[in-house]
Amino acid sequence: LGQQWAAALHVWRAMAQQQFEPCLNLDNSVISICEKARQWRVALAVFRRLLLQRLVPDDISFHTAIGACFNAGQFRPMHGLVDHMEQ
């Protein structure tokens, strides 16, 4: 994946700065590529921003963010996501 995750994040940030309408599918795609690139902190930042934009996370949002934490051995934030998902 090399720098694909960084390129995806760059596009995502540029769209946010241009005040494009928030898009759950785009956010999920960025979280997913961050998961695959083992960029768990970035995946969580995108997930948090999704919530701040008042988007409702779906199963893909949660599972990819949880997977990013799991793959990096970051169990505390992973459990926080699981708790949030169950609410």
N, C-alpha and C. Protein backbone atom coordinates (compact mmCIF):
# COMPACT_ATOMS: atom_id res chain seq x y z
N LEU A 1 0.81 -1.21 0.00
CA LEU A 1 0.00 0.00 0.00
C LEU A 1 0.85 1.26 0.00
N GLY A 2 2.09 1.12 0.37
CA GLY A 2 3.00 2.24 0.30
C GLY A 2 2.40 3.53 0.80
N GLN A 3 2.32 4.49 -0.09
CA GLN A 3 1.79 5.80 0.29
C GLN A 3 0.35 6.03 -0.16
N GLN A 4 -0.34 4.96 -0.57
CA GLN A 4 -1.73 5.11 -1.00
C GLN A 4 -2.60 5.65 0.12
N TRP A 5 -2.33 5.21 1.34
CA TRP A 5 -3.13 5.69 2.46
C TRP A 5 -2.92 7.19 2.64
N ALA A 6 -1.70 7.66 2.44
CA ALA A 6 -1.41 9.10 2.59
C ALA A 6 -2.09 9.89 1.48
N ALA A 7 -2.12 9.35 0.27
CA ALA A 7 -2.79 10.02 -0.84
C ALA A 7 -4.30 10.08 -0.59
N ALA A 8 -4.86 8.99 -0.11
CA ALA A 8 -6.30 8.97 0.20
C ALA A 8 -6.62 9.98 1.29
N LEU A 9 -5.77 10.05 2.29
CA LEU A 9 -5.97 11.00 3.38
C LEU A 9 -5.87 12.44 2.87
N HIS A 10 -4.94 12.68 1.96
CA HIS A 10 -4.77 14.01 1.38
C HIS A 10 -6.05 14.44 0.64
N VAL A 11 -6.60 13.56 -0.16
CA VAL A 11 -7.84 13.87 -0.89
C VAL A 11 -8.98 14.11 0.10
N TRP A 12 -9.07 13.27 1.10
CA TRP A 12 -10.13 13.40 2.12
C TRP A 12 -10.03 14.75 2.83
N ARG A 13 -8.81 15.13 3.22
CA ARG A 13 -8.61 16.43 3.89
C ARG A 13 -8.92 17.60 2.96
N ALA A 14 -8.51 17.49 1.71
CA ALA A 14 -8.78 18.55 0.74
C ALA A 14 -10.28 18.74 0.56
N MET A 15 -11.01 17.64 0.50
CA MET A 15 -12.46 17.74 0.36
C MET A 15 -13.09 18.39 1.58
N ALA A 16 -12.57 18.07 2.76
CA ALA A 16 -13.09 18.68 3.98
C ALA A 16 -12.82 20.18 3.99
N GLN A 17 -11.63 20.58 3.55
CA GLN A 17 -11.29 22.01 3.51
C GLN A 17 -12.15 22.76 2.50
N GLN A 18 -12.54 22.10 1.43
CA GLN A 18 -13.39 22.72 0.42
C GLN A 18 -14.86 22.67 0.82
N GLN A 19 -15.11 22.12 2.00
CA GLN A 19 -16.45 22.03 2.59
C GLN A 19 -17.43 21.23 1.73
N PHE A 20 -16.90 20.14 1.16
CA PHE A 20 -17.79 19.22 0.46
C PHE A 20 -18.73 18.60 1.49
N GLU A 21 -19.87 18.16 1.03
CA GLU A 21 -20.83 17.48 1.90
C GLU A 21 -20.17 16.24 2.50
N PRO A 22 -20.26 16.03 3.83
CA PRO A 22 -19.69 14.82 4.42
C PRO A 22 -20.26 13.57 3.75
N CYS A 23 -19.42 12.57 3.60
CA CYS A 23 -19.82 11.36 2.88
C CYS A 23 -19.33 10.12 3.64
N LEU A 24 -20.26 9.35 4.14
CA LEU A 24 -19.93 8.15 4.91
C LEU A 24 -19.10 7.17 4.08
N ASN A 25 -19.45 6.99 2.81
CA ASN A 25 -18.69 6.05 1.97
C ASN A 25 -17.24 6.46 1.81
N LEU A 26 -17.01 7.76 1.64
CA LEU A 26 -15.62 8.24 1.52
C LEU A 26 -14.87 8.03 2.83
N ASP A 27 -15.50 8.38 3.95
CA ASP A 27 -14.86 8.17 5.24
C ASP A 27 -14.54 6.70 5.46
N ASN A 28 -15.49 5.83 5.14
CA ASN A 28 -15.25 4.40 5.31
C ASN A 28 -14.09 3.92 4.43
N SER A 29 -13.99 4.45 3.23
CA SER A 29 -12.90 4.07 2.33
C SER A 29 -11.55 4.48 2.90
N VAL A 30 -11.49 5.67 3.46
CA VAL A 30 -10.23 6.15 4.05
C VAL A 30 -9.87 5.32 5.28
N ILE A 31 -10.86 5.03 6.12
CA ILE A 31 -10.60 4.19 7.29
C ILE A 31 -10.10 2.82 6.84
N SER A 32 -10.70 2.27 5.81
CA SER A 32 -10.31 0.95 5.31
C SER A 32 -8.87 0.92 4.80
N ILE A 33 -8.50 1.92 4.02
CA ILE A 33 -7.13 1.92 3.50
C ILE A 33 -6.13 2.15 4.64
N CYS A 34 -6.53 2.92 5.65
CA CYS A 34 -5.66 3.10 6.82
C CYS A 34 -5.53 1.80 7.59
N GLU A 35 -6.61 1.05 7.67
CA GLU A 35 -6.56 -0.26 8.32
C GLU A 35 -5.55 -1.16 7.61
N LYS A 36 -5.64 -1.21 6.30
CA LYS A 36 -4.74 -2.07 5.53
C LYS A 36 -3.29 -1.62 5.62
N ALA A 37 -3.08 -0.31 5.77
CA ALA A 37 -1.72 0.23 5.87
C ALA A 37 -1.22 0.27 7.31
N ARG A 38 -2.04 -0.25 8.23
CA ARG A 38 -1.69 -0.30 9.66
C ARG A 38 -1.48 1.10 10.25
N GLN A 39 -2.30 2.01 9.82
CA GLN A 39 -2.28 3.39 10.32
C GLN A 39 -3.48 3.60 11.25
N TRP A 40 -3.44 2.93 12.40
CA TRP A 40 -4.58 2.91 13.30
C TRP A 40 -4.93 4.29 13.85
N ARG A 41 -3.91 5.10 14.14
CA ARG A 41 -4.20 6.44 14.67
C ARG A 41 -4.95 7.29 13.64
N VAL A 42 -4.55 7.20 12.40
CA VAL A 42 -5.22 7.96 11.34
C VAL A 42 -6.64 7.43 11.15
N ALA A 43 -6.80 6.11 11.18
CA ALA A 43 -8.13 5.51 11.05
C ALA A 43 -9.06 6.03 12.15
N LEU A 44 -8.55 6.10 13.37
CA LEU A 44 -9.37 6.61 14.48
C LEU A 44 -9.68 8.09 14.33
N ALA A 45 -8.72 8.84 13.82
CA ALA A 45 -8.96 10.28 13.60
C ALA A 45 -10.08 10.48 12.57
N VAL A 46 -10.05 9.69 11.51
CA VAL A 46 -11.11 9.79 10.49
C VAL A 46 -12.45 9.37 11.10
N PHE A 47 -12.44 8.32 11.91
CA PHE A 47 -13.67 7.86 12.56
C PHE A 47 -14.22 8.96 13.47
N ARG A 48 -13.36 9.58 14.25
CA ARG A 48 -13.81 10.67 15.15
C ARG A 48 -14.40 11.83 14.35
N ARG A 49 -13.75 12.15 13.26
CA ARG A 49 -14.25 13.25 12.42
C ARG A 49 -15.63 12.89 11.84
N LEU A 50 -15.79 11.65 11.47
CA LEU A 50 -17.08 11.17 10.98
C LEU A 50 -18.17 11.49 12.02
N LEU A 51 -17.87 11.22 13.29
CA LEU A 51 -18.83 11.50 14.35
C LEU A 51 -19.07 13.00 14.51
N LEU A 52 -18.00 13.78 14.42
CA LEU A 52 -18.13 15.24 14.55
C LEU A 52 -18.96 15.83 13.41
N GLN A 53 -18.94 15.19 12.27
CA GLN A 53 -19.73 15.64 11.12
C GLN A 53 -21.18 15.20 11.24
N ARG A 54 -21.48 14.55 12.35
CA ARG A 54 -22.84 14.06 12.63
C ARG A 54 -23.30 12.98 11.65
N LEU A 55 -22.31 12.26 11.10
CA LEU A 55 -22.65 11.09 10.30
C LEU A 55 -22.86 9.92 11.26
N VAL A 56 -23.71 9.00 10.87
CA VAL A 56 -23.96 7.82 11.70
C VAL A 56 -23.10 6.69 11.17
N PRO A 57 -22.13 6.23 11.99
CA PRO A 57 -21.27 5.15 11.51
C PRO A 57 -22.08 3.87 11.26
N ASP A 58 -21.71 3.15 10.22
CA ASP A 58 -22.38 1.89 9.93
C ASP A 58 -21.44 0.74 10.31
N ASP A 59 -21.85 -0.47 9.98
CA ASP A 59 -21.03 -1.64 10.32
C ASP A 59 -19.64 -1.55 9.71
N ILE A 60 -19.56 -1.03 8.49
CA ILE A 60 -18.25 -0.91 7.83
C ILE A 60 -17.37 0.06 8.60
N SER A 61 -17.92 1.17 9.03
CA SER A 61 -17.15 2.16 9.80
C SER A 61 -16.55 1.52 11.04
N PHE A 62 -17.41 0.85 11.79
CA PHE A 62 -16.95 0.23 13.04
C PHE A 62 -15.96 -0.90 12.78
N HIS A 63 -16.28 -1.79 11.87
CA HIS A 63 -15.43 -2.96 11.67
C HIS A 63 -14.05 -2.60 11.12
N THR A 64 -13.98 -1.62 10.24
CA THR A 64 -12.67 -1.24 9.72
C THR A 64 -11.86 -0.50 10.78
N ALA A 65 -12.50 0.36 11.56
CA ALA A 65 -11.78 1.06 12.63
C ALA A 65 -11.33 0.07 13.71
N ILE A 66 -12.19 -0.86 14.06
CA ILE A 66 -11.82 -1.90 15.04
C ILE A 66 -10.69 -2.76 14.47
N GLY A 67 -10.77 -3.11 13.20
CA GLY A 67 -9.71 -3.90 12.57
C GLY A 67 -8.38 -3.18 12.57
N ALA A 68 -8.40 -1.86 12.34
CA ALA A 68 -7.16 -1.08 12.35
C ALA A 68 -6.51 -1.14 13.73
N CYS A 69 -7.32 -1.03 14.77
CA CYS A 69 -6.78 -1.11 16.14
C CYS A 69 -6.28 -2.51 16.44
N PHE A 70 -7.07 -3.50 16.08
CA PHE A 70 -6.70 -4.89 16.34
C PHE A 70 -5.39 -5.25 15.66
N ASN A 71 -5.27 -4.90 14.39
CA ASN A 71 -4.06 -5.23 13.63
C ASN A 71 -2.81 -4.59 14.22
N ALA A 72 -2.99 -3.45 14.89
CA ALA A 72 -1.85 -2.76 15.50
C ALA A 72 -1.65 -3.16 16.96
N GLY A 73 -2.50 -4.06 17.46
CA GLY A 73 -2.40 -4.48 18.86
C GLY A 73 -2.85 -3.39 19.83
N GLN A 74 -3.69 -2.51 19.37
CA GLN A 74 -4.19 -1.40 20.20
C GLN A 74 -5.58 -1.77 20.71
N PHE A 75 -5.59 -2.50 21.83
CA PHE A 75 -6.84 -3.08 22.30
C PHE A 75 -7.70 -2.10 23.09
N ARG A 76 -7.11 -1.15 23.76
CA ARG A 76 -7.92 -0.19 24.52
C ARG A 76 -8.82 0.63 23.59
N PRO A 77 -8.27 1.27 22.53
CA PRO A 77 -9.18 1.99 21.64
C PRO A 77 -10.16 1.07 20.93
N MET A 78 -9.72 -0.16 20.66
CA MET A 78 -10.60 -1.13 20.02
C MET A 78 -11.81 -1.41 20.90
N HIS A 79 -11.58 -1.61 22.19
CA HIS A 79 -12.69 -1.87 23.11
C HIS A 79 -13.61 -0.66 23.22
N GLY A 80 -13.03 0.55 23.14
CA GLY A 80 -13.86 1.75 23.15
C GLY A 80 -14.80 1.79 21.96
N LEU A 81 -14.30 1.39 20.80
CA LEU A 81 -15.15 1.34 19.60
C LEU A 81 -16.25 0.29 19.74
N VAL A 82 -15.89 -0.86 20.30
CA VAL A 82 -16.88 -1.93 20.49
C VAL A 82 -17.97 -1.43 21.44
N ASP A 83 -17.56 -0.77 22.54
CA ASP A 83 -18.54 -0.23 23.47
C ASP A 83 -19.45 0.79 22.79
N HIS A 84 -18.87 1.65 21.97
CA HIS A 84 -19.66 2.67 21.26
C HIS A 84 -20.63 2.02 20.27
N MET A 85 -20.17 0.96 19.63
CA MET A 85 -21.00 0.25 18.66
C MET A 85 -22.22 -0.37 19.32
N GLU A 86 -22.06 -0.83 20.56
CA GLU A 86 -23.14 -1.51 21.25
C GLU A 86 -24.18 -0.56 21.84
N GLN A 87 -23.90 0.74 21.77
CA GLN A 87 -24.86 1.72 22.34
C GLN A 87 -26.03 1.94 21.43
